[in-house]
N, C-alpha and C. Protein backbone atom coordinates (compact mmCIF):
# COMPACT_ATOMS: atom_id res chain seq x y z
N MET A 1 310.85 -3.68 204.73
CA MET A 1 309.16 -3.47 204.57
C MET A 1 308.40 -2.93 205.72
N LYS A 2 307.59 -2.36 205.29
CA LYS A 2 306.25 -1.45 206.25
C LYS A 2 305.37 -2.93 206.37
N LYS A 3 305.19 -2.82 207.99
CA LYS A 3 304.42 -3.64 208.39
C LYS A 3 302.63 -3.04 208.42
N LYS A 4 301.99 -3.68 207.68
CA LYS A 4 300.54 -3.09 207.64
C LYS A 4 300.28 -3.08 209.22
N SER A 5 299.49 -2.24 209.70
CA SER A 5 298.68 -2.11 210.53
C SER A 5 297.27 -2.10 211.01
N SER A 6 296.75 -2.81 211.94
CA SER A 6 295.67 -2.96 211.74
C SER A 6 294.58 -1.80 212.37
N PRO A 7 293.70 -1.51 212.23
CA PRO A 7 292.74 -0.67 212.92
C PRO A 7 292.29 -0.72 214.19
N VAL A 8 292.67 0.15 215.15
CA VAL A 8 292.52 -0.03 216.68
C VAL A 8 291.25 -0.21 217.19
N LEU A 9 290.18 0.41 216.38
CA LEU A 9 288.65 -0.01 215.95
C LEU A 9 288.22 -0.06 214.60
N THR A 10 287.32 -1.03 214.15
CA THR A 10 286.65 -1.01 213.32
C THR A 10 285.45 -0.38 213.17
N HIS A 11 284.65 -0.13 212.09
CA HIS A 11 283.36 0.57 211.97
C HIS A 11 282.34 -0.22 212.42
N VAL A 12 282.49 -1.77 212.54
CA VAL A 12 281.27 -2.63 212.88
C VAL A 12 281.33 -2.58 214.65
N GLU A 13 283.03 -2.02 215.23
CA GLU A 13 282.74 -2.18 216.62
C GLU A 13 282.27 -0.41 217.14
N ILE A 14 282.65 0.37 216.12
CA ILE A 14 281.93 1.94 216.53
C ILE A 14 280.67 1.57 216.67
N ILE A 15 280.12 1.07 215.43
CA ILE A 15 278.67 0.90 215.28
C ILE A 15 278.02 0.39 216.94
N CYS A 16 278.50 -1.16 217.18
CA CYS A 16 278.05 -1.16 218.13
C CYS A 16 278.97 -0.72 219.46
N LEU A 17 279.52 0.47 219.68
CA LEU A 17 279.56 1.00 220.80
C LEU A 17 278.52 2.16 221.09
N ALA A 18 278.04 2.37 219.86
CA ALA A 18 277.07 3.58 219.63
C ALA A 18 275.75 3.01 219.60
N ILE A 19 275.81 2.03 219.61
CA ILE A 19 274.19 1.32 219.66
C ILE A 19 274.19 0.91 221.13
N ARG A 20 274.91 0.72 222.15
CA ARG A 20 275.11 0.53 223.53
C ARG A 20 275.06 1.91 224.28
N ALA A 21 275.57 3.00 223.82
CA ALA A 21 275.30 4.03 224.63
C ALA A 21 274.13 4.78 224.15
N ILE A 22 273.33 3.98 222.91
CA ILE A 22 272.13 4.97 223.23
C ILE A 22 271.10 3.93 223.78
N ASP A 23 270.96 2.37 224.25
CA ASP A 23 270.26 1.81 224.89
C ASP A 23 270.67 2.58 226.46
N MET A 24 271.96 2.92 226.43
CA MET A 24 272.14 2.74 227.88
C MET A 24 271.14 4.51 228.56
N ASP A 25 271.27 5.55 227.34
CA ASP A 25 270.63 6.49 227.24
C ASP A 25 269.33 6.29 227.41
N ILE A 26 268.37 5.56 226.63
CA ILE A 26 266.95 5.00 226.94
C ILE A 26 266.75 4.64 228.36
N GLY A 27 267.99 3.94 228.89
CA GLY A 27 267.77 2.97 230.20
C GLY A 27 267.79 3.99 231.39
N ASP A 28 268.64 5.34 231.13
CA ASP A 28 268.78 6.63 231.75
C ASP A 28 266.86 6.98 231.97
N TRP A 29 266.16 6.87 230.43
CA TRP A 29 265.16 7.86 230.68
C TRP A 29 264.13 7.09 231.34
N VAL A 30 264.28 5.64 231.39
CA VAL A 30 263.32 4.68 231.71
C VAL A 30 263.78 4.43 233.45
N LYS A 31 264.69 4.69 233.76
CA LYS A 31 264.96 5.23 235.42
C LYS A 31 264.22 6.08 236.06
N LYS A 32 264.74 7.46 234.78
CA LYS A 32 263.62 8.72 235.50
C LYS A 32 261.78 8.54 235.69
N PHE A 33 262.18 7.71 234.79
CA PHE A 33 259.93 7.70 234.98
C PHE A 33 259.92 6.53 235.82
N GLU A 34 260.38 6.04 236.46
CA GLU A 34 260.34 4.95 237.37
C GLU A 34 259.40 5.34 238.79
N GLY A 35 258.24 4.70 239.32
CA GLY A 35 257.65 5.42 239.89
C GLY A 35 256.50 6.34 239.65
N LEU A 36 256.45 7.09 238.26
CA LEU A 36 255.05 7.65 237.85
C LEU A 36 254.16 6.91 237.54
N PRO A 37 252.69 7.26 237.14
CA PRO A 37 251.69 6.75 236.62
C PRO A 37 252.04 6.01 235.33
N GLU A 38 251.46 4.77 235.27
CA GLU A 38 251.89 4.43 233.98
C GLU A 38 251.29 4.88 232.78
N ASP A 39 250.27 6.09 233.03
CA ASP A 39 249.43 6.43 231.88
C ASP A 39 250.19 7.63 231.61
N TYR A 40 250.88 7.93 232.23
CA TYR A 40 251.84 9.49 232.40
C TYR A 40 253.22 8.53 231.74
N VAL A 41 253.28 7.72 232.37
CA VAL A 41 254.96 7.12 231.37
C VAL A 41 255.10 6.70 229.93
N ALA A 42 253.98 5.91 229.73
CA ALA A 42 253.82 5.53 228.39
C ALA A 42 253.67 6.60 227.52
N GLU A 43 253.22 7.78 227.75
CA GLU A 43 252.81 8.96 226.64
C GLU A 43 254.41 9.26 226.32
N HIS A 44 254.85 9.56 227.41
CA HIS A 44 255.72 10.72 227.98
C HIS A 44 257.40 10.15 227.71
N LEU A 45 257.62 8.78 228.11
CA LEU A 45 258.53 7.96 227.50
C LEU A 45 258.77 7.84 226.14
N GLU A 46 257.78 7.33 225.52
CA GLU A 46 257.90 7.53 223.98
C GLU A 46 258.57 8.81 223.20
N ILE A 47 257.80 9.87 223.67
CA ILE A 47 257.87 11.16 223.41
C ILE A 47 259.55 11.40 223.74
N ALA A 48 260.13 11.30 224.72
CA ALA A 48 261.34 11.49 225.27
C ALA A 48 262.41 10.71 224.57
N THR A 49 262.17 9.41 224.34
CA THR A 49 263.00 8.43 223.86
C THR A 49 262.87 8.04 222.21
N ALA A 50 262.11 8.79 221.82
CA ALA A 50 261.82 8.80 220.45
C ALA A 50 263.00 8.97 219.24
N ASP A 51 263.87 10.07 219.40
CA ASP A 51 264.73 10.26 218.73
C ASP A 51 266.05 9.30 218.60
N LEU A 52 266.34 8.98 219.89
CA LEU A 52 267.65 7.89 220.23
C LEU A 52 266.90 6.58 219.81
N LYS A 53 265.84 6.20 219.85
CA LYS A 53 265.03 5.47 219.53
C LYS A 53 264.94 5.23 217.68
N ALA A 54 265.52 6.30 217.22
CA ALA A 54 265.31 6.57 216.02
C ALA A 54 266.92 6.52 215.03
N LYS A 55 267.80 7.20 215.99
CA LYS A 55 269.06 6.94 216.13
C LYS A 55 269.74 5.17 216.55
N ARG A 56 269.18 4.72 217.03
CA ARG A 56 269.61 3.34 217.30
C ARG A 56 268.76 2.29 215.95
N GLU A 57 267.31 2.73 215.30
CA GLU A 57 267.03 2.06 213.95
C GLU A 57 268.24 2.72 213.13
N ALA A 58 269.12 3.71 212.79
CA ALA A 58 269.53 3.82 211.80
C ALA A 58 271.22 3.10 212.13
N LEU A 59 271.45 2.75 212.81
CA LEU A 59 272.45 2.38 213.44
C LEU A 59 272.78 0.62 213.38
N ARG A 60 271.35 0.17 213.50
CA ARG A 60 271.18 -1.05 213.43
C ARG A 60 271.09 -1.59 211.61
N SER A 61 270.66 -0.90 211.13
CA SER A 61 270.47 -0.53 209.29
C SER A 61 272.34 -0.35 209.19
N LEU A 62 273.12 0.44 209.79
CA LEU A 62 274.73 -0.11 209.10
C LEU A 62 274.64 -0.99 209.84
N TYR A 63 274.40 -1.67 211.00
CA TYR A 63 275.65 -2.81 211.40
C TYR A 63 275.03 -3.98 210.16
N LEU A 64 273.58 -3.97 209.80
CA LEU A 64 273.42 -4.97 208.65
C LEU A 64 273.92 -4.85 207.87
N MET A 65 273.78 -3.21 207.24
CA MET A 65 274.97 -3.28 205.91
C MET A 65 276.26 -3.93 206.38
N GLU A 66 276.62 -3.62 207.37
CA GLU A 66 278.30 -3.80 207.31
C GLU A 66 278.45 -5.24 207.53
N THR A 67 277.77 -6.14 208.16
CA THR A 67 278.31 -7.39 208.72
C THR A 67 277.03 -8.61 207.95
N GLY A 68 275.64 -8.25 207.66
CA GLY A 68 275.16 -9.15 206.60
C GLY A 68 274.12 -9.71 207.89
N TYR A 69 274.40 -9.10 209.33
CA TYR A 69 273.40 -9.86 210.42
C TYR A 69 272.90 -8.64 211.14
N GLU A 70 271.43 -9.00 211.69
CA GLU A 70 270.99 -8.03 212.87
C GLU A 70 271.99 -8.37 213.76
N TYR A 71 271.50 -7.05 214.37
CA TYR A 71 271.71 -6.45 215.52
C TYR A 71 271.33 -7.48 216.89
N ASN A 72 271.93 -8.31 217.31
CA ASN A 72 271.24 -9.14 218.63
C ASN A 72 271.49 -7.85 219.92
């Protein structure tokens, strides 16, 4: 009889890894803006990270659907 194998990665683990990667990318953008004037940073950082934040929210929604819990 063949033994049922378990997956190396689950959907939830993949989602978590993707969220962490996006958080790191956002952190990289924050570092790029360090030392610049606050008014410049406030406007341009939001523009630079808007797509990443949208993707992160979509992944957080998937995490909630898969687990029933908010991603923390």
